[in-house]
Amino acid sequence: MKIAISGEQTISIFQLTAVFSMVFALVGFSYNVWRMEITEYNSNARSASFELLLQLSELESIVYAAHYDKDVIQGNPRQGWVKVNLIADLSMITEPELSVAAEELKLSWQSNWQHMADDEASAQAVVTQIDETRARVRQLLKRLD
């Protein structure tokens, strides 16, 4: 069967079907690739977020051990530096606002770690920044598909 377009030009049903099939396949393939990228991003962001929550809790534990317990082993600032840097590294896998929060946490730690064992305000400043970073991680987790 042939369809007359204009004058002597004709297109067969087979040719139309082939063209529409190619368009449909390209649209389907493009959507599938896009969806797989979104799914992978969400999976990576979710895994990094859960690890961030764990590291934030451990950093908070270090601050509490240093300030309230005066425990130089559990409240070791070197362990805190490791946690803060790991948090900053993990935040790069997530959203930019979380990287900003991690950088603010790092700056707070840098300003307060030397005095947090003896100074309530220093310990509280770090804990407040930990809480703000934790809140941003939770917001990211709520937004993921």
Foldseek 3Di string as FASTA:
>chain_A
DWDDDDDPDIDDPVRVVVVVVVVVVVVVVVVVVVVVVLVVLLVLLVVLLVVLVVLLVLLLQLLCCLAVVVDCVSVPVVVNVVSLVSQLVSQVSHDPVLNVLSVVLVVLCVVQVVCSNPDVVSSVSNNVSSVVSNVVSVVRNVPRD
